[in-house]
């Protein structure tokens, strides 16, 4: 696998399309950080990190509206990829849907949202958009 972040986003996207309640993904530190951000911003219901002898797993409980059964995540879009990395300066940190969505950035101070990067006045690699 050449792009584990794209695989992570695709597994979540496929689970949402199939109306699954839980999705299981191979773990890495970057994926754990992205999962924490999704939980903190209310896009997923819960998560759990499980360690086994090899890589470990992330179990994510997906969030749906109780009446209409619509998912909380409408779109997961990979921006920076191995063939074309997308870096932004501190002045050009993107806004997703005029602030309604989030952009997840990998910066020198860790993985964070676009709003946090603007507050800390730093740029970085734009990993994905979530809304």
C-alpha atoms as a PDB file:
ATOM      1  CA  UNK A   1       0.000   0.000   0.000  1.00  0.00           C
ATOM      2  CA  UNK A   2       1.521   3.311  -1.027  1.00  0.00           C
ATOM      3  CA  UNK A   3      -0.901   5.728   0.666  1.00  0.00           C
ATOM      4  CA  UNK A   4      -2.168   4.628   4.095  1.00  0.00           C
ATOM      5  CA  UNK A   5      -4.067   7.892   4.740  1.00  0.00           C
ATOM      6  CA  UNK A   6      -6.043   7.465   1.533  1.00  0.00           C
ATOM      7  CA  UNK A   7      -6.812   3.874   2.580  1.00  0.00           C
ATOM      8  CA  UNK A   8      -7.983   5.158   6.006  1.00  0.00           C
ATOM      9  CA  UNK A   9     -10.337   7.702   4.422  1.00  0.00           C
ATOM     10  CA  UNK A  10     -11.635   5.181   1.882  1.00  0.00           C
ATOM     11  CA  UNK A  11     -12.446   2.610   4.578  1.00  0.00           C
ATOM     12  CA  UNK A  12     -14.452   5.225   6.508  1.00  0.00           C
ATOM     13  CA  UNK A  13     -16.171   6.413   3.307  1.00  0.00           C
ATOM     14  CA  UNK A  14     -17.094   2.842   2.301  1.00  0.00           C
ATOM     15  CA  UNK A  15     -18.397   2.027   5.800  1.00  0.00           C
ATOM     16  CA  UNK A  16     -20.614   5.134   5.725  1.00  0.00           C
ATOM     17  CA  UNK A  17     -21.973   4.218   2.287  1.00  0.00           C
ATOM     18  CA  UNK A  18     -22.744   0.691   3.538  1.00  0.00           C
ATOM     19  CA  UNK A  19     -24.371   2.134   6.727  1.00  0.00           C
ATOM     20  CA  UNK A  20     -22.010   0.237   9.045  1.00  0.00           C
ATOM     21  CA  UNK A  21     -21.914   1.246  12.690  1.00  0.00           C
ATOM     22  CA  UNK A  22     -18.245   0.321  13.294  1.00  0.00           C
ATOM     23  CA  UNK A  23     -15.223   0.289  11.008  1.00  0.00           C
ATOM     24  CA  UNK A  24     -11.875  -1.323  11.829  1.00  0.00           C
ATOM     25  CA  UNK A  25      -8.671   0.184  10.416  1.00  0.00           C
ATOM     26  CA  UNK A  26      -4.968  -0.731  10.806  1.00  0.00           C
ATOM     27  CA  UNK A  27      -3.344   1.770  13.178  1.00  0.00           C
ATOM     28  CA  UNK A  28      -0.504   4.251  12.831  1.00  0.00           C
ATOM     29  CA  UNK A  29       0.322   7.368  14.821  1.00  0.00           C
ATOM     30  CA  UNK A  30      -0.888   9.697  12.051  1.00  0.00           C
ATOM     31  CA  UNK A  31      -4.183   7.798  11.734  1.00  0.00           C
ATOM     32  CA  UNK A  32      -4.638   7.969  15.520  1.00  0.00           C
ATOM     33  CA  UNK A  33      -4.167  11.740  15.432  1.00  0.00           C
ATOM     34  CA  UNK A  34      -6.690  12.122  12.595  1.00  0.00           C
ATOM     35  CA  UNK A  35      -9.164   9.911  14.502  1.00  0.00           C
ATOM     36  CA  UNK A  36      -8.812  12.096  17.619  1.00  0.00           C
ATOM     37  CA  UNK A  37      -9.527  15.210  15.562  1.00  0.00           C
ATOM     38  CA  UNK A  38     -12.611  13.621  13.962  1.00  0.00           C
ATOM     39  CA  UNK A  39     -13.889  12.695  17.443  1.00  0.00           C
ATOM     40  CA  UNK A  40     -13.152  16.123  18.959  1.00  0.00           C
ATOM     41  CA  UNK A  41     -14.977  17.891  16.119  1.00  0.00           C
ATOM     42  CA  UNK A  42     -18.026  15.590  16.388  1.00  0.00           C
ATOM     43  CA  UNK A  43     -17.719  13.684  13.101  1.00  0.00           C
ATOM     44  CA  UNK A  44     -17.509  10.251  14.743  1.00  0.00           C
ATOM     45  CA  UNK A  45     -19.319   8.831  17.772  1.00  0.00           C
ATOM     46  CA  UNK A  46     -16.392   7.109  19.490  1.00  0.00           C
ATOM     47  CA  UNK A  47     -13.102   5.353  18.854  1.00  0.00           C
ATOM     48  CA  UNK A  48     -10.896   2.729  20.464  1.00  0.00           C
ATOM     49  CA  UNK A  49      -7.233   1.904  19.941  1.00  0.00           C
ATOM     50  CA  UNK A  50      -6.432  -1.794  20.229  1.00  0.00           C
ATOM     51  CA  UNK A  51      -2.871  -3.083  20.428  1.00  0.00           C
ATOM     52  CA  UNK A  52      -1.955  -6.497  19.165  1.00  0.00           C
ATOM     53  CA  UNK A  53       1.507  -7.933  18.602  1.00  0.00           C
ATOM     54  CA  UNK A  54       1.943  -6.334  15.193  1.00  0.00           C
ATOM     55  CA  UNK A  55       0.453  -3.028  14.154  1.00  0.00           C
ATOM     56  CA  UNK A  56      -2.656  -2.469  16.222  1.00  0.00           C
ATOM     57  CA  UNK A  57      -6.145  -1.474  15.127  1.00  0.00           C
ATOM     58  CA  UNK A  58      -8.427   1.518  15.367  1.00  0.00           C
ATOM     59  CA  UNK A  59     -12.126   0.805  15.871  1.00  0.00           C
ATOM     60  CA  UNK A  60     -14.292   3.765  14.935  1.00  0.00           C
ATOM     61  CA  UNK A  61     -18.000   4.037  15.784  1.00  0.00           C
ATOM     62  CA  UNK A  62     -19.592   6.091  13.021  1.00  0.00           C
ATOM     63  CA  UNK A  63     -22.117   8.806  13.816  1.00  0.00           C
ATOM     64  CA  UNK A  64     -25.555   9.009  12.185  1.00  0.00           C
ATOM     65  CA  UNK A  65     -28.552  11.277  12.783  1.00  0.00           C
ATOM     66  CA  UNK A  66     -31.042   9.370  14.993  1.00  0.00           C
ATOM     67  CA  UNK A  67     -34.155  10.109  12.893  1.00  0.00           C
ATOM     68  CA  UNK A  68     -33.019  10.602   9.307  1.00  0.00           C
ATOM     69  CA  UNK A  69     -30.084   8.149   9.525  1.00  0.00           C
ATOM     70  CA  UNK A  70     -27.868  10.586   7.604  1.00  0.00           C
ATOM     71  CA  UNK A  71     -24.139  10.308   8.392  1.00  0.00           C
ATOM     72  CA  UNK A  72     -22.324  13.130  10.209  1.00  0.00           C
ATOM     73  CA  UNK A  73     -19.557  12.935   7.587  1.00  0.00           C
ATOM     74  CA  UNK A  74     -20.806  14.066   4.188  1.00  0.00           C
ATOM     75  CA  UNK A  75     -17.430  14.034   2.450  1.00  0.00           C
ATOM     76  CA  UNK A  76     -13.852  12.924   3.106  1.00  0.00           C
ATOM     77  CA  UNK A  77     -11.493  14.259   0.469  1.00  0.00           C
ATOM     78  CA  UNK A  78      -7.760  13.473   0.278  1.00  0.00           C
ATOM     79  CA  UNK A  79      -5.781  16.552  -0.750  1.00  0.00           C
ATOM     80  CA  UNK A  80      -2.050  15.858  -0.417  1.00  0.00           C
ATOM     81  CA  UNK A  81      -1.004  12.536  -1.869  1.00  0.00           C
ATOM     82  CA  UNK A  82       2.342  10.782  -2.398  1.00  0.00           C
ATOM     83  CA  UNK A  83       2.550  11.851  -6.048  1.00  0.00           C
ATOM     84  CA  UNK A  84       1.698  15.496  -5.362  1.00  0.00           C
ATOM     85  CA  UNK A  85       2.202  16.887  -1.884  1.00  0.00           C
ATOM     86  CA  UNK A  86       0.167  19.999  -1.043  1.00  0.00           C
ATOM     87  CA  UNK A  87       1.841  22.402   1.372  1.00  0.00           C
ATOM     88  CA  UNK A  88       0.402  25.739   2.468  1.00  0.00           C
ATOM     89  CA  UNK A  89       1.952  28.804   4.006  1.00  0.00           C
ATOM     90  CA  UNK A  90       0.569  30.214   7.257  1.00  0.00           C
ATOM     91  CA  UNK A  91      -1.188  32.947   5.248  1.00  0.00           C
ATOM     92  CA  UNK A  92      -2.905  30.484   2.881  1.00  0.00           C
ATOM     93  CA  UNK A  93      -4.362  27.871   5.246  1.00  0.00           C
ATOM     94  CA  UNK A  94      -7.590  26.745   3.500  1.00  0.00           C
ATOM     95  CA  UNK A  95     -11.132  27.216   4.792  1.00  0.00           C
ATOM     96  CA  UNK A  96     -13.537  24.382   3.998  1.00  0.00           C
ATOM     97  CA  UNK A  97     -17.113  25.461   3.191  1.00  0.00           C
ATOM     98  CA  UNK A  98     -16.479  28.891   4.770  1.00  0.00           C
ATOM     99  CA  UNK A  99     -15.627  27.315   8.114  1.00  0.00           C
ATOM    100  CA  UNK A 100     -18.417  24.710   8.152  1.00  0.00           C
ATOM    101  CA  UNK A 101     -15.966  21.872   7.451  1.00  0.00           C
ATOM    102  CA  UNK A 102     -12.399  21.239   8.553  1.00  0.00           C
ATOM    103  CA  UNK A 103      -9.074  20.803   6.822  1.00  0.00           C
ATOM    104  CA  UNK A 104      -6.650  18.501   8.623  1.00  0.00           C
ATOM    105  CA  UNK A 105      -3.024  19.627   8.422  1.00  0.00           C
ATOM    106  CA  UNK A 106       0.231  17.960   9.372  1.00  0.00           C
ATOM    107  CA  UNK A 107       2.430  20.704  10.801  1.00  0.00           C
ATOM    108  CA  UNK A 108       5.725  20.962  12.627  1.00  0.00           C
ATOM    109  CA  UNK A 109       3.711  21.104  15.871  1.00  0.00           C
ATOM    110  CA  UNK A 110       1.643  17.993  15.132  1.00  0.00           C
ATOM    111  CA  UNK A 111      -1.578  17.145  13.330  1.00  0.00           C
ATOM    112  CA  UNK A 112      -4.260  19.823  13.709  1.00  0.00           C
ATOM    113  CA  UNK A 113      -7.254  21.480  12.080  1.00  0.00           C
ATOM    114  CA  UNK A 114      -7.113  24.546   9.878  1.00  0.00           C
ATOM    115  CA  UNK A 115      -8.527  26.736  12.657  1.00  0.00           C
ATOM    116  CA  UNK A 116      -5.867  25.635  15.140  1.00  0.00           C
ATOM    117  CA  UNK A 117      -3.142  26.248  12.542  1.00  0.00           C
ATOM    118  CA  UNK A 118      -4.442  29.781  11.960  1.00  0.00           C
ATOM    119  CA  UNK A 119      -4.423  30.491  15.716  1.00  0.00           C
ATOM    120  CA  UNK A 120      -0.851  29.160  16.069  1.00  0.00           C
ATOM    121  CA  UNK A 121       0.149  31.005  12.875  1.00  0.00           C
ATOM    122  CA  UNK A 122       1.739  27.987  11.137  1.00  0.00           C
ATOM    123  CA  UNK A 123       1.311  26.196   7.825  1.00  0.00           C
ATOM    124  CA  UNK A 124       1.957  22.619   6.791  1.00  0.00           C
ATOM    125  CA  UNK A 125       0.825  19.749   4.589  1.00  0.00           C
ATOM    126  CA  UNK A 126      -2.922  19.636   3.910  1.00  0.00           C
ATOM    127  CA  UNK A 127      -3.915  15.996   4.454  1.00  0.00           C
ATOM    128  CA  UNK A 128      -7.667  16.083   3.859  1.00  0.00           C
ATOM    129  CA  UNK A 129     -10.940  17.991   3.939  1.00  0.00           C
ATOM    130  CA  UNK A 130     -13.855  16.779   6.069  1.00  0.00           C
ATOM    131  CA  UNK A 131     -17.417  18.081   5.967  1.00  0.00           C
END
